[in-house]
């Protein structure tokens, strides 16, 4: 693999398996949608009132879960263009060094420099504004999520521990490259100007511990009203760095990325209510009531970062605030609960960890249908559609299957493609048990 290809593949290096990807719903919620689904813990924990509203007496817990995702900008051949920029910058840099050293005269190099400028500016025009790559991984391990509903508790207790990691690569381009090289000193200045172009790489590694409780707050012959709250403790490591197009990105990431990271902790609170009747349910929730906030580290000694900051492409005081978000949901179902049709809507947009200078905001609209068979030997299924009303505004066809009421497999594929490949894809696999 060419070293410049690593600039695009490098995100894999910054996603350790210690893996908040608010963009990727947990477990079977990916296939069905964000409306509460009582069939498993992952589908009922979206609303803090969900576990008590859907649980029978007993214990449900996870054994493991794993989620993978990617999203790319609406730009064809982004990886190839990023690699080509590395080749062009390498060759131009070498030519300017020859002029600076006096090995090549500025007059002799003029036509070659003009050709490099034209090629570089054409590529930057294609990928500079919309070119990006985001990749993510989420994970949970036994016994999380752990949920127990008991008479002694007068409700339902949820204990959860989630890990996630997301990385984002975007392009720093400034204005079009326009070099004026007439002397050896001009060549030295031009080399410094090249430092202002490159890639901006950020990551967010999150560990979230959740303690939740829900109970019945009102009942009458027509239904029950449930309420729940979740206290969350977030540990977030934010990292960022820049790489020049002519850098060996993989090597630079492995050597320097950990030096440009900052870890902090903060608390969050989610609240929810849900009304459940014989054939329908309706709920509302608020996430991040107190909006935990985390700061990106300062970056020192990087010429590309300094120039991009001076141009306003990078905010030196960038932070990640888990913004308050309201959600409403509803569903209709058969009396036995085997057939379910539901929908959910975030009432406002919220920024993700890479919102500054990217399309990393999210506001989900989801609809879905699900069937839960009467026997464990038969597979359960779910189909749906989710649309991000903010940020990249990508829509997804979603679906999933449950095998033996233990194993869940869910996926979401974007309806938009680039280079005949979906612009975005998410996949979840998990095992959970009940006793």
Protein backbone atom coordinates (compact mmCIF):
# COMPACT_ATOMS: atom_id res chain seq x y z
CA UNK A 1 0.00 0.00 0.00
CA UNK A 2 1.32 3.44 -0.92
CA UNK A 3 2.16 5.55 2.11
CA UNK A 4 -0.31 8.21 1.01
CA UNK A 5 -3.13 5.70 0.90
CA UNK A 6 -2.48 5.45 4.61
CA UNK A 7 -3.74 9.01 4.94
CA UNK A 8 -7.23 7.69 4.22
CA UNK A 9 -6.79 4.30 5.87
CA UNK A 10 -5.16 5.92 8.89
CA UNK A 11 -8.46 6.21 10.74
CA UNK A 12 -8.21 2.52 11.52
CA UNK A 13 -5.07 3.28 13.50
CA UNK A 14 -6.86 5.77 15.74
CA UNK A 15 -9.80 3.49 16.57
CA UNK A 16 -8.52 1.16 19.31
CA UNK A 17 -10.82 -1.64 20.37
CA UNK A 18 -11.22 -0.03 23.76
CA UNK A 19 -14.09 1.53 21.86
CA UNK A 20 -20.33 8.57 21.83
CA UNK A 21 -21.38 7.48 18.85
CA UNK A 22 -24.77 9.13 19.08
CA UNK A 23 -24.87 8.58 15.35
CA UNK A 24 -25.09 4.80 15.78
CA UNK A 25 -28.01 3.40 17.81
CA UNK A 26 -27.29 0.41 20.01
CA UNK A 27 -28.16 -3.16 19.08
CA UNK A 28 -31.53 -3.85 17.48
CA UNK A 29 -32.51 -0.17 17.67
CA UNK A 30 -30.43 0.22 14.52
CA UNK A 31 -32.65 -2.12 12.49
CA UNK A 32 -36.03 -1.04 13.87
CA UNK A 33 -35.55 2.63 14.71
CA UNK A 34 -35.33 4.77 17.81
CA UNK A 35 -38.88 4.12 19.04
CA UNK A 36 -38.86 1.90 22.11
CA UNK A 37 -39.07 -1.80 21.37
CA UNK A 38 -39.58 -4.11 24.34
CA UNK A 39 -38.20 -7.35 22.87
CA UNK A 40 -34.65 -6.82 24.17
CA UNK A 41 -32.73 -4.49 26.46
CA UNK A 42 -30.89 -2.68 23.68
CA UNK A 43 -34.19 -1.77 22.02
CA UNK A 44 -35.86 -0.53 25.21
CA UNK A 45 -33.11 1.60 26.77
CA UNK A 46 -33.35 4.49 24.28
CA UNK A 47 -36.01 6.11 26.47
CA UNK A 48 -35.16 6.05 30.22
CA UNK A 49 -38.74 4.94 30.89
CA UNK A 50 -38.40 2.07 28.42
CA UNK A 51 -36.96 -0.66 30.68
CA UNK A 52 -39.77 -0.45 33.24
CA UNK A 53 -42.43 0.01 30.56
CA UNK A 54 -41.45 -3.14 28.71
CA UNK A 55 -39.93 -5.51 31.21
CA UNK A 56 -41.51 -8.47 32.87
CA UNK A 57 -40.21 -9.45 36.30
CA UNK A 58 -36.70 -10.86 36.10
CA UNK A 59 -33.28 -10.05 34.68
CA UNK A 60 -32.04 -9.24 31.20
CA UNK A 61 -28.38 -8.74 30.39
CA UNK A 62 -26.01 -8.50 27.50
CA UNK A 63 -23.21 -10.93 26.75
CA UNK A 64 -21.47 -8.85 24.09
CA UNK A 65 -22.21 -6.31 21.39
CA UNK A 66 -20.14 -4.85 18.58
CA UNK A 67 -20.94 -2.04 16.16
CA UNK A 68 -19.03 -0.80 13.11
CA UNK A 69 -19.74 2.21 10.91
CA UNK A 70 -18.35 4.49 8.24
CA UNK A 71 -19.46 7.60 6.35
CA UNK A 72 -17.81 9.42 3.46
CA UNK A 73 -18.44 12.80 1.88
CA UNK A 74 -20.33 13.19 -1.38
CA UNK A 75 -17.10 13.20 -3.40
CA UNK A 76 -16.09 10.64 -6.00
CA UNK A 77 -12.64 9.03 -5.74
CA UNK A 78 -11.83 10.74 -2.44
CA UNK A 79 -9.21 8.14 -1.51
CA UNK A 80 -7.51 8.28 -4.91
CA UNK A 81 -7.53 12.08 -4.95
CA UNK A 82 -6.08 12.24 -1.44
CA UNK A 83 -3.30 9.89 -2.56
CA UNK A 84 -2.72 11.88 -5.76
CA UNK A 85 -2.34 15.07 -3.71
CA UNK A 86 0.42 13.37 -1.76
CA UNK A 87 2.24 12.50 -4.95
CA UNK A 88 1.84 16.02 -6.36
CA UNK A 89 3.01 17.69 -3.14
CA UNK A 90 5.97 15.30 -2.89
CA UNK A 91 7.15 16.11 -6.39
CA UNK A 92 6.53 19.86 -6.03
CA UNK A 93 8.35 19.95 -2.69
CA UNK A 94 11.37 18.22 -4.22
CA UNK A 95 11.41 20.65 -7.14
CA UNK A 96 11.27 23.66 -4.79
CA UNK A 97 14.11 22.21 -2.72
CA UNK A 98 16.19 21.90 -5.88
CA UNK A 99 15.49 25.57 -6.68
CA UNK A 100 16.29 26.59 -3.11
CA UNK A 101 19.58 24.70 -3.23
CA UNK A 102 20.48 26.21 -6.59
CA UNK A 103 20.46 22.83 -8.38
CA UNK A 104 17.63 24.05 -10.64
CA UNK A 105 17.01 27.63 -11.73
CA UNK A 106 13.65 29.27 -11.06
CA UNK A 107 13.25 29.99 -14.77
CA UNK A 108 13.77 26.34 -15.70
CA UNK A 109 11.31 25.21 -13.01
CA UNK A 110 8.59 27.76 -13.80
CA UNK A 111 6.55 25.62 -16.22
CA UNK A 112 6.74 22.56 -13.94
CA UNK A 113 5.66 24.60 -10.92
CA UNK A 114 2.69 26.00 -12.88
CA UNK A 115 1.69 22.46 -13.90
CA UNK A 116 1.83 21.24 -10.29
CA UNK A 117 -0.25 24.22 -9.15
CA UNK A 118 -2.92 23.49 -11.76
CA UNK A 119 -3.14 19.80 -10.86
CA UNK A 120 -3.22 20.45 -7.12
CA UNK A 121 -5.88 23.17 -7.36
CA UNK A 122 -8.08 20.97 -9.55
CA UNK A 123 -7.97 18.17 -6.97
CA UNK A 124 -8.54 20.53 -4.05
CA UNK A 125 -11.56 22.01 -5.84
CA UNK A 126 -13.06 18.50 -6.04
CA UNK A 127 -12.47 17.35 -2.47
CA UNK A 128 -11.70 20.46 -0.41
CA UNK A 129 -15.23 21.33 0.74
CA UNK A 130 -17.11 18.01 0.81
CA UNK A 131 -14.38 15.41 1.16
CA UNK A 132 -14.27 13.61 4.51
CA UNK A 133 -14.17 10.15 6.03
CA UNK A 134 -15.63 9.09 9.38
CA UNK A 135 -15.26 5.63 10.90
CA UNK A 136 -16.46 4.23 14.21
CA UNK A 137 -16.61 1.20 16.48
CA UNK A 138 -18.79 0.58 19.56
CA UNK A 139 -18.65 -2.26 22.05
CA UNK A 140 -20.13 -3.72 25.23
CA UNK A 141 -19.17 -6.73 27.28
CA UNK A 142 -20.88 -9.06 29.74
CA UNK A 143 -23.00 -8.28 31.76
CA UNK A 144 -23.91 -4.95 30.15
CA UNK A 145 -26.51 -3.73 29.68
CA UNK A 146 -27.85 -5.25 32.90
CA UNK A 147 -31.52 -4.70 33.66
CA UNK A 148 -33.58 -6.07 36.52
CA UNK A 149 -37.26 -5.52 37.29
CA UNK A 150 -38.36 -6.60 40.76
CA UNK A 151 -41.27 -5.96 43.13
CA UNK A 152 -38.75 -5.07 45.84
CA UNK A 153 -37.43 -2.26 43.65
CA UNK A 154 -40.92 -1.00 42.81
CA UNK A 155 -39.56 -0.57 39.33
CA UNK A 156 -36.69 -1.36 37.01
CA UNK A 157 -32.95 -0.80 37.49
CA UNK A 158 -30.58 -0.42 34.53
CA UNK A 159 -26.78 -0.61 34.80
CA UNK A 160 -24.91 -0.07 31.55
CA UNK A 161 -21.36 0.42 30.33
CA UNK A 162 -20.68 1.40 26.72
CA UNK A 163 -17.48 2.08 24.82
CA UNK A 164 -17.20 3.89 21.53
CA UNK A 165 -14.55 5.40 19.29
CA UNK A 166 -14.99 7.58 16.22
CA UNK A 167 -12.43 9.15 13.94
CA UNK A 168 -12.82 11.87 11.33
CA UNK A 169 -10.56 12.96 8.46
CA UNK A 170 -11.20 16.20 6.55
CA UNK A 171 -9.22 18.40 4.17
CA UNK A 172 -7.40 21.64 5.00
CA UNK A 173 -7.01 23.64 1.83
CA UNK A 174 -7.08 27.39 2.41
CA UNK A 175 -7.09 29.38 -0.81
CA UNK A 176 -5.91 27.96 -4.12
CA UNK A 177 -2.20 27.34 -4.33
CA UNK A 178 -0.53 30.28 -6.10
CA UNK A 179 3.27 30.24 -5.92
CA UNK A 180 5.51 33.01 -7.22
CA UNK A 181 9.01 31.55 -7.46
CA UNK A 182 11.62 33.76 -9.08
CA UNK A 183 14.54 33.33 -6.70
CA UNK A 184 15.97 30.78 -4.28
CA UNK A 185 14.45 32.77 -1.40
CA UNK A 186 11.03 32.57 -3.09
CA UNK A 187 11.42 28.79 -3.19
CA UNK A 188 12.03 28.75 0.58
CA UNK A 189 8.87 30.82 1.15
CA UNK A 190 6.91 28.52 -1.17
CA UNK A 191 7.96 25.47 0.84
CA UNK A 192 6.54 27.11 3.95
CA UNK A 193 3.30 27.84 2.09
CA UNK A 194 2.93 24.14 1.26
CA UNK A 195 2.80 23.40 4.99
CA UNK A 196 -0.67 24.97 5.12
CA UNK A 197 -2.28 22.16 3.13
CA UNK A 198 -3.14 18.72 4.50
CA UNK A 199 -5.59 16.59 6.43
CA UNK A 200 -7.22 17.30 9.80
CA UNK A 201 -7.71 14.17 11.91
CA UNK A 202 -9.81 14.04 15.07
CA UNK A 203 -11.01 11.22 17.29
CA UNK A 204 -13.37 10.81 20.23
CA UNK A 205 -13.01 7.75 22.48
CA UNK A 206 -15.81 7.49 25.00
CA UNK A 207 -16.65 5.32 27.98
CA UNK A 208 -20.16 5.88 29.35
CA UNK A 209 -21.42 4.34 32.58
CA UNK A 210 -25.19 4.57 33.10
CA UNK A 211 -27.30 4.02 36.19
CA UNK A 212 -31.01 4.20 35.44
CA UNK A 213 -34.27 3.71 37.30
CA UNK A 214 -37.88 3.69 36.16
CA UNK A 215 -41.22 3.16 37.84
CA UNK A 216 -44.98 3.42 37.33
CA UNK A 217 -46.28 6.89 38.19
CA UNK A 218 -49.94 6.60 37.16
CA UNK A 219 -52.35 3.90 36.08
CA UNK A 220 -55.99 3.68 35.09
CA UNK A 221 -58.12 1.18 33.13
CA UNK A 222 -56.85 2.59 29.81
CA UNK A 223 -53.13 2.28 30.41
CA UNK A 224 -50.05 2.99 32.50
CA UNK A 225 -47.73 5.98 32.66
CA UNK A 226 -44.08 5.23 33.35
CA UNK A 227 -41.20 7.61 34.13
CA UNK A 228 -37.49 7.01 34.22
CA UNK A 229 -34.17 8.77 34.74
CA UNK A 230 -30.59 7.89 33.88
CA UNK A 231 -27.45 9.28 35.47
CA UNK A 232 -24.45 8.98 33.15
CA UNK A 233 -20.75 9.30 33.78
CA UNK A 234 -18.78 10.06 30.62
CA UNK A 235 -15.06 9.63 30.19
CA UNK A 236 -14.04 11.18 26.87
CA UNK A 237 -10.62 11.27 25.24
CA UNK A 238 -10.45 13.82 22.42
CA UNK A 239 -7.48 13.85 20.05
CA UNK A 240 -6.56 15.91 17.02
CA UNK A 241 -3.63 16.49 14.73
CA UNK A 242 -2.83 17.57 11.19
CA UNK A 243 -0.92 15.70 8.49
CA UNK A 244 0.60 17.26 5.41
CA UNK A 245 -0.30 15.70 2.08
CA UNK A 246 3.37 14.80 1.71
CA UNK A 247 3.59 13.19 5.17
CA UNK A 248 3.74 9.51 5.96
CA UNK A 249 0.38 9.68 7.74
CA UNK A 250 0.45 6.20 9.23
CA UNK A 251 3.84 6.74 10.79
CA UNK A 252 2.93 10.21 12.07
CA UNK A 253 -0.27 8.91 13.63
CA UNK A 254 1.47 6.11 15.49
CA UNK A 255 4.26 8.42 16.70
CA UNK A 256 2.39 11.59 17.61
CA UNK A 257 -1.36 11.09 17.93
CA UNK A 258 -1.28 10.15 21.61
CA UNK A 259 0.65 13.34 22.38
CA UNK A 260 -2.25 15.45 21.07
CA UNK A 261 -5.01 13.99 23.24
CA UNK A 262 -6.89 15.09 26.33
CA UNK A 263 -9.08 13.00 28.63
CA UNK A 264 -11.80 14.44 30.84
CA UNK A 265 -14.92 13.28 32.68
CA UNK A 266 -18.35 14.77 33.24
CA UNK A 267 -21.86 13.77 34.25
CA UNK A 268 -25.04 13.74 32.21
CA UNK A 269 -28.73 13.16 32.93
CA UNK A 270 -31.45 11.73 30.67
CA UNK A 271 -35.18 11.76 31.51
CA UNK A 272 -38.14 10.02 29.91
CA UNK A 273 -41.84 9.23 30.19
CA UNK A 274 -43.96 6.65 28.39
CA UNK A 275 -47.66 5.89 28.22
CA UNK A 276 -48.50 2.26 27.39
CA UNK A 277 -51.98 1.04 26.48
CA UNK A 278 -53.28 -2.25 25.09
CA UNK A 279 -52.63 -1.35 21.46
CA UNK A 280 -50.40 1.72 21.43
CA UNK A 281 -47.69 3.53 23.30
CA UNK A 282 -46.34 7.09 23.26
CA UNK A 283 -43.29 8.58 24.88
CA UNK A 284 -40.97 11.54 25.17
CA UNK A 285 -37.42 11.89 26.44
CA UNK A 286 -34.71 14.46 26.91
CA UNK A 287 -31.05 13.53 26.55
CA UNK A 288 -28.10 15.44 28.01
CA UNK A 289 -30.19 17.62 30.28
CA UNK A 290 -27.09 19.27 31.76
CA UNK A 291 -24.96 19.12 28.57
CA UNK A 292 -21.56 17.64 29.55
CA UNK A 293 -18.69 19.38 27.74
CA UNK A 294 -15.17 18.27 26.82
CA UNK A 295 -12.28 20.28 25.35
CA UNK A 296 -9.92 19.35 22.55
CA UNK A 297 -6.22 19.61 23.40
CA UNK A 298 -3.97 22.41 22.25
CA UNK A 299 -1.66 21.44 19.40
CA UNK A 300 1.88 22.79 19.29
CA UNK A 301 4.67 22.59 16.77
CA UNK A 302 2.59 21.68 13.70
CA UNK A 303 2.96 24.10 10.81
CA UNK A 304 -0.14 22.80 9.03
CA UNK A 305 -2.23 23.27 12.19
CA UNK A 306 -0.86 26.77 12.82
CA UNK A 307 -1.59 27.98 9.29
CA UNK A 308 -5.07 26.42 9.22
CA UNK A 309 -5.82 28.04 12.58
CA UNK A 310 -4.67 31.43 11.29
CA UNK A 311 -6.99 31.01 8.27
CA UNK A 312 -9.92 30.13 10.54
CA UNK A 313 -10.26 26.54 9.30
CA UNK A 314 -9.48 25.16 12.76
CA UNK A 315 -10.82 26.52 16.04
CA UNK A 316 -7.97 26.41 18.59
CA UNK A 317 -10.58 26.38 21.39
CA UNK A 318 -12.68 23.59 19.85
CA UNK A 319 -14.79 21.55 22.27
CA UNK A 320 -17.36 18.77 22.20
CA UNK A 321 -20.61 19.56 24.00
CA UNK A 322 -23.17 16.76 24.29
CA UNK A 323 -26.10 18.97 23.43
CA UNK A 324 -29.54 18.72 24.96
CA UNK A 325 -31.94 16.92 22.62
CA UNK A 326 -35.68 16.26 22.82
CA UNK A 327 -37.29 13.18 21.31
CA UNK A 328 -40.88 12.03 20.83
CA UNK A 329 -41.98 8.55 19.84
CA UNK A 330 -45.04 6.43 19.29
CA UNK A 331 -46.00 2.91 18.26
CA UNK A 332 -49.02 0.71 17.64
CA UNK A 333 -49.00 -3.02 18.27
CA UNK A 334 -51.18 -6.08 18.44
CA UNK A 335 -52.55 -7.20 21.80
CA UNK A 336 -49.89 -9.92 22.10
CA UNK A 337 -47.15 -7.48 21.09
CA UNK A 338 -45.87 -9.65 18.27
CA UNK A 339 -46.46 -7.07 15.53
CA UNK A 340 -45.16 -3.56 16.09
CA UNK A 341 -45.11 -0.39 13.98
CA UNK A 342 -43.35 2.64 15.44
CA UNK A 343 -41.72 5.97 14.75
CA UNK A 344 -39.46 8.46 16.49
CA UNK A 345 -38.37 12.06 15.91
CA UNK A 346 -35.64 14.20 17.45
CA UNK A 347 -37.15 17.65 17.85
CA UNK A 348 -33.85 19.49 17.51
CA UNK A 349 -30.43 18.93 16.00
CA UNK A 350 -27.35 18.22 18.13
CA UNK A 351 -23.69 18.42 17.19
CA UNK A 352 -21.41 15.42 17.29
CA UNK A 353 -17.75 15.56 18.41
CA UNK A 354 -16.54 16.75 14.99
CA UNK A 355 -19.21 19.34 14.25
CA UNK A 356 -16.76 22.23 13.85
CA UNK A 357 -16.02 22.36 10.13
CA UNK A 358 -17.89 19.16 9.26
CA UNK A 359 -21.34 17.64 8.75
CA UNK A 360 -21.32 15.90 12.14
CA UNK A 361 -24.70 17.05 13.47
CA UNK A 362 -27.57 14.60 13.88
CA UNK A 363 -31.37 14.77 14.18
CA UNK A 364 -32.99 11.41 13.52
CA UNK A 365 -36.39 10.65 12.05
CA UNK A 366 -37.05 6.90 12.13
CA UNK A 367 -39.90 4.56 11.24
CA UNK A 368 -39.91 0.80 11.57
CA UNK A 369 -41.88 -2.40 11.75
CA UNK A 370 -41.05 -5.55 13.70
CA UNK A 371 -42.35 -9.08 14.21
CA UNK A 372 -41.61 -11.27 17.24
CA UNK A 373 -42.48 -14.94 16.64
CA UNK A 374 -44.24 -17.11 19.23
CA UNK A 375 -41.43 -19.67 19.34
CA UNK A 376 -37.73 -19.09 20.02
CA UNK A 377 -36.73 -21.36 17.14
CA UNK A 378 -38.27 -18.93 14.64
CA UNK A 379 -36.42 -15.75 13.66
CA UNK A 380 -37.78 -12.33 14.54
CA UNK A 381 -37.31 -9.52 12.06
CA UNK A 382 -37.46 -5.76 11.76
CA UNK A 383 -37.34 -3.31 8.86
CA UNK A 384 -37.20 0.45 8.84
CA UNK A 385 -35.95 3.73 7.52
CA UNK A 386 -33.95 6.46 9.25
CA UNK A 387 -33.20 9.95 8.00
CA UNK A 388 -30.70 12.39 9.44
CA UNK A 389 -32.45 15.77 9.22
CA UNK A 390 -29.22 17.65 10.05
CA UNK A 391 -25.54 17.40 9.21
CA UNK A 392 -24.95 15.17 6.20
CA UNK A 393 -28.74 14.59 5.85
CA UNK A 394 -28.19 10.98 4.79
CA UNK A 395 -31.09 8.50 4.73
CA UNK A 396 -30.75 4.78 5.49
CA UNK A 397 -32.66 1.59 4.79
CA UNK A 398 -32.46 -0.46 7.98
CA UNK A 399 -33.19 -4.04 8.98
CA UNK A 400 -32.34 -6.77 11.41
CA UNK A 401 -33.00 -10.30 12.56
CA UNK A 402 -33.11 -12.00 15.97
CA UNK A 403 -32.14 -15.67 16.14
CA UNK A 404 -33.26 -17.90 19.01
CA UNK A 405 -34.18 -14.71 20.93
CA UNK A 406 -30.50 -14.39 21.80
CA UNK A 407 -28.48 -13.21 18.79
CA UNK A 408 -29.31 -9.92 17.07
CA UNK A 409 -27.87 -8.79 13.72
CA UNK A 410 -28.78 -5.34 12.38
CA UNK A 411 -27.58 -3.10 9.58
CA UNK A 412 -28.28 0.31 8.04
CA UNK A 413 -27.25 1.21 4.50
CA UNK A 414 -27.45 4.70 3.07
CA UNK A 415 -29.68 5.36 0.08
CA UNK A 416 -26.96 7.60 -1.42
CA UNK A 417 -23.89 6.13 -3.10
CA UNK A 418 -20.52 7.44 -4.17
CA UNK A 419 -18.38 5.45 -6.61
CA UNK A 420 -21.20 2.84 -6.60
CA UNK A 421 -20.65 2.26 -2.86
CA UNK A 422 -23.05 3.37 -0.09
CA UNK A 423 -21.95 6.70 1.39
CA UNK A 424 -22.61 5.35 4.87
CA UNK A 425 -23.10 1.97 6.51
CA UNK A 426 -23.68 0.76 10.07
CA UNK A 427 -23.68 -2.78 11.47
CA UNK A 428 -24.48 -4.15 14.93
CA UNK A 429 -24.16 -7.66 16.33
CA UNK A 430 -25.00 -8.69 19.87
CA UNK A 431 -25.96 -11.47 22.24
CA UNK A 432 -28.29 -11.02 25.19
CA UNK A 433 -30.02 -13.38 27.61
CA UNK A 434 -33.03 -13.29 29.91
CA UNK A 435 -33.75 -15.21 33.10
